[in-house]
Amino acid sequence: MSVRDRIGRTLRLVRGPGDTGFAVDSPEAGYLLAQHKRLMFIVAVMVLLFISMVAALSLGAVDIPFFETMRVVLNTFTFGMFGDPSDPSYERIVLSVRMPRIVLCILTGASLGLAGAVMQGLLRNPLVSPFTLGVSTAASFGAAMAIVFGTTLLGGVYYTSYEVLGQQITIDDLSKTVMSFVFGMASLVIILGLTRKTNVSRSTLILSGVIVSYIFQAGLMFLKYISDDSQLRDITMWLMGGLSGVSWGNLLIILPIVLVCGFYLEKLAIDVNMLSSGDDVASNLGVDVRKLRNRGLILSTLISSICIAFTGTIGFIGLMAPHLCRMVIGNDSRYLFPASAVLGALILMVSDIVARVIMRPSELPVGIIMYVIGGIFFIWLVFGKKARTGEE
């Protein structure tokens, strides 16, 4: 039985057997078909994400057989019921190196994809994202400030660590997190101040983001100029974007913030849908537009900055994921937000796998892969649109 037939049967049951005026092409059937398509898209992306997670656990500088990988993972939840792996190093590689990296990859990709979708909905501009608004660059500048001036401002406290749930959390990590959010938020405030008029054009908003990005890029170059050799290397490698070196302690900082903010942003989806009809219409429907924008943009900046503090600059996910999802499932934010989050995680996961295997045993920074993918995406977006509209 086809999807349309199942939907027709469902509507007949709802309307009752005596209703003979039912048409499968009715608005109700069209709505259910669209809803089914959206859910199937999200489920399909989640399946692909799971497959890529398994591949990420197995592939790298050292390839681990699939069944050995599954044995290590299952032993974690069954207290060793499946026996020891053939190589004792497999357990350390999977659980201490690759598993935290995969979790960070999912959280970062989902945060950037969700933040991009929320920002685009709140500002009604499909070209808005944490990267194009300069939030990523500003957050990078904040983290670089913590790297260069951390010991100067905090002294020996900078290297202090605390044990939480059996994992080490350092003041170094906390300082980068706080500084990234502060400067990411500062960039957003500057942009909203420059474009405070309600009828500002899309190009003006993006241009403001470019201007702010250049300002913080100048600050980054200055920090690189005054840093010592060790700090310079840390900043340079960090700016390329990467997921290596993450620990479970780092994830204890990121995970609760991303989960809480993500669920709250999803709750704003209905109000964001109302906002798509215009500020006046949304206000007449009972939406506090100013409060909605402030909360949504602050939380989007928070989850973006928190992840960037540990991964470095990773661009284009917040632009690509919502665009691709919108082409398939439309503009309904109730489905667009979770779809963008899952697709963002998938894009970053696949990019990280490529970064790990393309030059092994060496590793390529994932930020380089994302710039290549982002450049190709922009070319396709521009020239594909021209081809569809018949422009010269």
Protein backbone atom coordinates (compact mmCIF):
# COMPACT_ATOMS: atom_id res chain seq x y z
CA MET A 1 0.00 0.00 0.00
CA SER A 2 1.41 3.40 -1.00
CA VAL A 3 1.86 6.34 1.35
CA ARG A 4 -1.01 8.18 -0.32
CA ASP A 5 -3.33 5.16 0.10
CA ARG A 6 -2.42 4.84 3.79
CA ILE A 7 -3.11 8.53 4.32
CA GLY A 8 -6.41 8.21 2.50
CA ARG A 9 -7.42 5.31 4.74
CA THR A 10 -6.42 7.31 7.85
CA LEU A 11 -8.53 10.29 6.80
CA ARG A 12 -11.52 8.06 6.04
CA LEU A 13 -11.27 6.61 9.54
CA VAL A 14 -11.13 10.12 11.01
CA ARG A 15 -14.05 11.40 8.93
CA GLY A 16 -16.16 8.29 9.33
CA PRO A 17 -17.42 5.68 6.87
CA GLY A 18 -20.48 7.72 5.97
CA ASP A 19 -18.47 10.56 4.46
CA THR A 20 -18.35 9.93 0.71
CA GLY A 21 -16.98 13.34 -0.26
CA PHE A 22 -13.40 12.49 0.65
CA ALA A 23 -10.69 13.15 -1.94
CA VAL A 24 -7.14 11.91 -1.59
CA ASP A 25 -5.92 15.18 -3.12
CA SER A 26 -7.69 17.20 -0.42
CA PRO A 27 -5.78 19.73 1.73
CA GLU A 28 -5.82 17.29 4.63
CA ALA A 29 -4.15 14.59 2.55
CA GLY A 30 -1.63 17.09 1.24
CA TYR A 31 -0.74 18.15 4.78
CA LEU A 32 -0.30 14.55 5.94
CA LEU A 33 1.82 13.74 2.90
CA ALA A 34 4.07 16.73 3.61
CA GLN A 35 4.33 15.77 7.27
CA HIS A 36 5.20 12.18 6.34
CA LYS A 37 7.88 13.43 3.94
CA ARG A 38 9.43 15.64 6.61
CA LEU A 39 9.54 12.87 9.19
CA MET A 40 10.98 10.38 6.69
CA PHE A 41 13.69 12.87 5.74
CA ILE A 42 14.71 13.34 9.37
CA VAL A 43 14.72 9.58 9.99
CA ALA A 44 16.79 8.97 6.83
CA VAL A 45 19.39 11.54 7.86
CA MET A 46 19.55 10.03 11.35
CA VAL A 47 20.19 6.59 9.84
CA LEU A 48 23.00 8.02 7.70
CA LEU A 49 24.41 9.75 10.78
CA PHE A 50 24.44 6.44 12.67
CA ILE A 51 26.24 4.71 9.79
CA SER A 52 28.82 7.50 9.66
CA MET A 53 29.33 7.21 13.44
CA VAL A 54 30.15 3.52 13.08
CA ALA A 55 32.55 4.34 10.24
CA ALA A 56 34.18 7.07 12.32
CA LEU A 57 34.77 4.61 15.16
CA SER A 58 36.46 2.13 12.83
CA LEU A 59 38.44 4.36 10.45
CA GLY A 60 41.47 6.49 11.19
CA ALA A 61 45.24 6.28 11.41
CA VAL A 62 44.62 2.76 12.75
CA ASP A 63 41.75 0.87 11.10
CA ILE A 64 39.80 -1.27 13.54
CA PRO A 65 37.67 -4.14 12.18
CA PHE A 66 33.94 -3.48 12.42
CA PHE A 67 33.20 -6.42 14.74
CA GLU A 68 36.05 -5.43 17.05
CA THR A 69 34.65 -1.91 17.23
CA MET A 70 31.17 -3.22 18.07
CA ARG A 71 32.65 -5.55 20.69
CA VAL A 72 34.35 -2.64 22.46
CA VAL A 73 31.20 -0.49 22.36
CA LEU A 74 28.88 -3.27 23.53
CA ASN A 75 31.26 -4.26 26.32
CA THR A 76 30.93 -0.74 27.68
CA PHE A 77 27.20 -1.27 28.29
CA THR A 78 27.29 -4.99 29.18
CA PHE A 79 30.28 -5.02 31.54
CA GLY A 80 32.51 -7.09 29.25
CA MET A 81 29.95 -9.72 28.24
CA PHE A 82 31.31 -9.93 24.67
CA GLY A 83 34.90 -10.67 25.64
CA ASP A 84 38.15 -8.77 25.19
CA PRO A 85 39.13 -7.36 21.78
CA SER A 86 41.93 -9.08 19.85
CA ASP A 87 44.18 -6.04 20.37
CA PRO A 88 44.22 -4.40 23.84
CA SER A 89 44.83 -0.96 22.27
CA TYR A 90 41.47 -1.04 20.48
CA GLU A 91 39.56 -0.27 23.67
CA ARG A 92 41.62 2.83 24.44
CA ILE A 93 41.41 4.08 20.83
CA VAL A 94 37.65 3.64 20.59
CA LEU A 95 36.58 4.81 24.05
CA SER A 96 39.16 7.46 24.91
CA VAL A 97 40.05 8.92 21.51
CA ARG A 98 37.36 8.35 18.91
CA MET A 99 34.19 8.24 20.99
CA PRO A 100 34.66 11.72 22.58
CA ARG A 101 35.58 13.05 19.15
CA ILE A 102 32.38 11.66 17.63
CA VAL A 103 30.24 13.14 20.41
CA LEU A 104 31.90 16.55 19.93
CA CYS A 105 31.38 16.24 16.18
CA ILE A 106 27.66 15.59 16.64
CA LEU A 107 27.21 18.40 19.16
CA THR A 108 29.14 20.91 17.04
CA GLY A 109 27.46 20.05 13.74
CA ALA A 110 24.02 20.01 15.35
CA SER A 111 24.64 23.31 17.15
CA LEU A 112 25.86 25.12 14.04
CA GLY A 113 23.07 23.71 11.87
CA LEU A 114 20.39 24.59 14.43
CA ALA A 115 21.86 28.04 15.09
CA GLY A 116 21.88 28.79 11.36
CA ALA A 117 18.24 27.74 10.95
CA VAL A 118 17.14 29.79 13.97
CA MET A 119 19.05 32.90 12.88
CA GLN A 120 17.64 32.66 9.36
CA GLY A 121 14.12 32.35 10.71
CA LEU A 122 14.42 35.17 13.23
CA LEU A 123 16.05 37.60 10.79
CA ARG A 124 14.09 36.34 7.75
CA ASN A 125 17.27 36.05 5.73
CA PRO A 126 18.39 32.72 4.19
CA LEU A 127 22.02 33.87 3.95
CA VAL A 128 22.41 34.39 7.70
CA SER A 129 24.49 31.97 9.76
CA PRO A 130 27.00 32.15 12.62
CA PHE A 131 29.74 32.22 9.98
CA THR A 132 28.34 34.94 7.71
CA LEU A 133 27.36 37.15 10.66
CA GLY A 134 30.90 37.07 12.01
CA VAL A 135 29.93 35.22 15.20
CA SER A 136 32.40 32.42 14.44
CA THR A 137 35.27 34.84 13.88
CA ALA A 138 34.44 36.82 17.01
CA ALA A 139 34.23 33.63 19.09
CA SER A 140 37.58 32.57 17.64
CA PHE A 141 39.04 35.91 18.67
CA GLY A 142 37.74 35.37 22.22
CA ALA A 143 39.31 31.91 22.44
CA ALA A 144 42.60 33.28 21.07
CA MET A 145 42.50 35.99 23.75
CA ALA A 146 42.22 33.26 26.38
CA ILE A 147 45.18 31.41 24.84
CA VAL A 148 47.45 34.48 24.72
CA PHE A 149 46.48 36.30 27.92
CA GLY A 150 45.17 33.42 30.04
CA THR A 151 48.32 32.98 32.13
CA THR A 152 48.82 36.74 32.39
CA LEU A 153 45.35 37.38 33.78
CA LEU A 154 44.88 34.24 35.86
CA GLY A 155 48.44 33.22 36.69
CA GLY A 156 48.86 29.68 37.96
CA VAL A 157 45.08 29.33 38.36
CA TYR A 158 44.93 29.02 34.56
CA TYR A 159 46.30 25.47 34.82
CA THR A 160 44.06 24.42 37.72
CA SER A 161 41.75 21.48 37.09
CA TYR A 162 38.72 20.10 38.91
CA GLU A 163 37.30 16.61 38.87
CA VAL A 164 33.63 16.36 37.91
CA LEU A 165 31.98 12.94 37.50
CA GLY A 166 35.41 11.40 37.29
CA GLN A 167 36.58 13.73 34.49
CA GLN A 168 39.01 16.64 34.57
CA ILE A 169 37.73 20.15 33.75
CA THR A 170 40.40 22.85 33.55
CA ILE A 171 40.21 26.59 34.02
CA ASP A 172 41.83 26.79 30.56
CA ASP A 173 38.74 25.20 29.00
CA LEU A 174 36.33 27.34 31.01
CA SER A 175 38.15 30.57 30.13
CA LYS A 176 38.03 29.79 26.40
CA THR A 177 34.34 28.97 26.68
CA VAL A 178 33.48 32.23 28.46
CA MET A 179 35.63 34.41 26.20
CA SER A 180 34.22 32.81 23.05
CA PHE A 181 30.65 33.52 24.12
CA VAL A 182 31.40 37.08 25.26
CA PHE A 183 32.97 38.10 21.97
CA GLY A 184 30.51 36.09 19.88
CA MET A 185 27.73 37.96 21.64
CA ALA A 186 29.57 41.26 21.12
CA SER A 187 29.66 40.69 17.36
CA LEU A 188 25.91 40.02 17.31
CA VAL A 189 25.20 43.18 19.30
CA ILE A 190 27.31 45.22 16.88
CA ILE A 191 25.51 43.79 13.84
CA LEU A 192 22.05 44.34 15.30
CA GLY A 193 23.09 47.88 16.20
CA LEU A 194 24.26 48.57 12.65
CA THR A 195 21.04 47.14 11.20
CA ARG A 196 18.54 48.27 13.82
CA LYS A 197 16.11 49.55 11.18
CA THR A 198 13.27 47.09 10.66
CA ASN A 199 13.38 47.15 6.84
CA VAL A 200 17.09 46.59 6.42
CA SER A 201 17.97 44.69 3.24
CA ARG A 202 19.51 41.24 3.17
CA SER A 203 22.67 42.53 1.52
CA THR A 204 23.14 45.16 4.25
CA LEU A 205 22.84 42.54 6.97
CA ILE A 206 25.39 40.25 5.33
CA LEU A 207 27.70 43.19 4.60
CA SER A 208 27.55 44.15 8.28
CA GLY A 209 28.57 40.61 9.18
CA VAL A 210 31.50 40.80 6.78
CA ILE A 211 32.61 44.11 8.29
CA VAL A 212 32.47 42.73 11.84
CA SER A 213 34.30 39.60 10.72
CA TYR A 214 37.13 41.70 9.25
CA ILE A 215 37.44 43.68 12.48
CA PHE A 216 37.88 40.55 14.55
CA GLN A 217 40.18 39.07 11.91
CA ALA A 218 42.42 42.09 12.47
CA GLY A 219 42.33 41.35 16.19
CA LEU A 220 43.32 37.74 15.51
CA MET A 221 46.25 38.81 13.39
CA PHE A 222 47.40 41.15 16.16
CA LEU A 223 47.20 38.34 18.72
CA LYS A 224 49.22 36.08 16.44
CA TYR A 225 51.80 38.85 16.03
CA ILE A 226 52.35 39.38 19.78
CA SER A 227 52.18 35.70 20.80
CA ASP A 228 55.20 33.51 21.42
CA ASP A 229 56.05 30.45 19.31
CA SER A 230 54.00 28.02 21.37
CA GLN A 231 50.95 30.29 21.48
CA LEU A 232 51.27 31.07 17.77
CA ARG A 233 51.21 27.38 16.90
CA ASP A 234 48.20 26.80 19.17
CA ILE A 235 46.26 29.68 17.62
CA THR A 236 47.15 28.73 14.04
CA MET A 237 46.18 25.08 14.46
CA TRP A 238 43.06 26.03 16.38
CA LEU A 239 41.90 28.49 13.68
CA MET A 240 42.07 25.74 11.06
CA GLY A 241 39.34 23.89 12.94
CA GLY A 242 39.74 20.43 14.33
CA LEU A 243 38.18 17.85 16.61
CA SER A 244 41.30 16.15 17.89
CA GLY A 245 42.40 16.24 21.51
CA VAL A 246 38.89 16.44 22.97
CA SER A 247 38.28 14.74 26.30
CA TRP A 248 35.18 13.61 28.17
CA GLY A 249 35.83 16.53 30.53
CA ASN A 250 35.41 18.98 27.65
CA LEU A 251 32.11 17.35 26.75
CA LEU A 252 30.84 17.83 30.32
CA ILE A 253 30.99 21.56 29.63
CA ILE A 254 29.44 21.45 26.16
CA LEU A 255 26.74 18.77 26.48
CA PRO A 256 24.36 20.31 29.06
CA ILE A 257 24.49 23.75 27.43
CA VAL A 258 23.79 22.41 23.93
CA LEU A 259 20.96 20.14 25.10
CA VAL A 260 19.18 22.79 27.19
CA CYS A 261 19.53 25.51 24.55
CA GLY A 262 18.59 23.13 21.73
CA PHE A 263 15.34 22.03 23.38
CA TYR A 264 14.45 25.64 24.20
CA LEU A 265 15.10 26.78 20.62
CA GLU A 266 12.85 23.99 19.34
CA LYS A 267 10.09 25.34 21.60
CA LEU A 268 10.38 28.67 19.75
CA ALA A 269 9.65 27.04 16.37
CA ILE A 270 5.92 27.90 16.31
CA ASP A 271 6.61 31.56 17.12
CA VAL A 272 9.31 31.66 14.45
CA ASN A 273 6.75 30.33 11.95
CA MET A 274 4.47 33.24 12.84
CA LEU A 275 7.37 35.64 12.45
CA SER A 276 7.82 34.54 8.81
CA SER A 277 4.64 36.48 7.97
CA GLY A 278 6.14 39.71 9.29
CA ASP A 279 6.66 41.42 12.62
CA ASP A 280 3.25 43.10 12.60
CA VAL A 281 1.38 39.87 11.89
CA ALA A 282 3.34 38.01 14.58
CA SER A 283 2.64 40.78 17.11
CA ASN A 284 -1.08 40.66 16.33
CA LEU A 285 -0.99 36.91 16.97
CA GLY A 286 0.43 37.50 20.44
CA VAL A 287 4.16 37.04 19.82
CA ASP A 288 6.55 39.35 21.64
CA VAL A 289 8.81 39.84 18.61
CA ARG A 290 11.59 41.69 20.39
CA LYS A 291 11.84 39.15 23.20
CA LEU A 292 11.66 36.27 20.72
CA ARG A 293 14.52 37.65 18.64
CA ASN A 294 16.69 38.45 21.64
CA ARG A 295 16.28 35.03 23.23
CA GLY A 296 16.69 33.13 19.99
CA LEU A 297 19.79 35.02 18.85
CA ILE A 298 21.45 34.88 22.28
CA LEU A 299 20.94 31.12 22.62
CA SER A 300 22.06 30.52 19.01
CA THR A 301 25.21 32.52 19.67
CA LEU A 302 25.77 30.63 22.92
CA ILE A 303 25.64 27.12 21.43
CA SER A 304 27.77 28.21 18.45
CA SER A 305 30.41 29.88 20.60
CA ILE A 306 30.62 27.04 23.12
CA CYS A 307 31.41 24.52 20.40
CA ILE A 308 33.77 26.82 18.52
CA ALA A 309 35.76 27.30 21.73
CA PHE A 310 36.80 23.63 21.53
CA THR A 311 36.85 22.99 17.78
CA GLY A 312 38.14 26.22 16.29
CA THR A 313 36.61 27.92 13.28
CA ILE A 314 34.33 25.58 11.33
CA GLY A 315 32.31 27.42 8.72
CA PHE A 316 29.39 26.98 6.35
CA ILE A 317 27.48 24.28 8.28
CA GLY A 318 25.02 26.86 9.60
CA LEU A 319 24.39 27.96 6.03
CA MET A 320 24.41 24.63 4.17
CA ALA A 321 22.32 22.46 6.50
CA PRO A 322 19.22 24.76 6.68
CA HIS A 323 19.38 25.44 2.93
CA LEU A 324 19.47 21.77 2.00
CA CYS A 325 16.73 20.90 4.49
CA ARG A 326 14.55 23.75 3.29
CA MET A 327 14.79 22.48 -0.28
CA VAL A 328 13.42 19.08 0.80
CA ILE A 329 10.98 19.73 3.65
CA GLY A 330 10.07 23.41 3.32
CA ASN A 331 10.08 26.27 5.81
CA ASP A 332 8.11 24.82 8.74
CA SER A 333 10.47 25.52 11.65
CA ARG A 334 9.01 22.67 13.73
CA TYR A 335 10.70 20.26 11.33
CA LEU A 336 13.37 22.53 9.86
CA PHE A 337 15.16 23.05 13.20
CA PRO A 338 15.70 19.36 14.11
CA ALA A 339 16.40 18.45 10.47
CA SER A 340 19.08 21.15 10.21
CA ALA A 341 20.66 19.95 13.45
CA VAL A 342 20.83 16.31 12.33
CA LEU A 343 22.05 17.19 8.82
CA GLY A 344 24.67 19.56 10.27
CA ALA A 345 25.97 16.73 12.44
CA LEU A 346 26.08 14.42 9.40
CA ILE A 347 27.97 16.95 7.26
CA LEU A 348 30.60 17.50 9.93
CA MET A 349 30.89 13.78 10.69
CA VAL A 350 31.54 12.88 7.05
CA SER A 351 33.98 15.79 6.70
CA ASP A 352 35.88 14.64 9.78
CA ILE A 353 36.14 11.09 8.44
CA VAL A 354 37.59 12.45 5.18
CA ALA A 355 40.01 14.66 7.13
CA ARG A 356 41.27 11.66 9.08
CA VAL A 357 41.78 9.23 6.21
CA ILE A 358 42.81 11.43 3.28
CA MET A 359 46.42 11.91 4.53
CA ARG A 360 46.79 9.15 7.10
CA PRO A 361 48.60 8.55 9.30
CA SER A 362 48.66 12.38 9.36
CA GLU A 363 45.41 14.27 9.91
CA LEU A 364 44.07 17.19 7.92
CA PRO A 365 42.22 19.92 9.90
CA VAL A 366 38.51 19.50 9.28
CA GLY A 367 38.14 23.26 8.78
CA ILE A 368 40.00 22.91 5.47
CA ILE A 369 37.53 20.27 4.29
CA MET A 370 34.61 22.48 5.30
CA TYR A 371 35.98 25.45 3.35
CA VAL A 372 36.23 23.29 0.23
CA ILE A 373 32.71 21.92 0.69
CA GLY A 374 31.38 25.40 1.46
CA GLY A 375 32.97 26.87 -1.65
CA ILE A 376 31.47 24.14 -3.84
CA PHE A 377 28.09 24.66 -2.16
CA PHE A 378 28.14 28.42 -2.87
CA ILE A 379 29.04 27.82 -6.52
CA TRP A 380 26.20 25.33 -6.85
CA LEU A 381 23.82 27.68 -5.05
CA VAL A 382 24.58 30.64 -7.30
CA PHE A 383 24.89 28.94 -10.67
CA GLY A 384 22.20 26.37 -9.92
CA LYS A 385 19.77 29.18 -9.19
CA LYS A 386 20.69 30.93 -12.41
CA ALA A 387 20.15 27.71 -14.36
CA ARG A 388 16.75 27.17 -12.76
CA THR A 389 15.59 30.73 -13.44
CA GLY A 390 17.12 30.94 -16.92
CA GLU A 391 19.35 33.91 -16.13
CA GLU A 392 22.31 34.76 -18.31
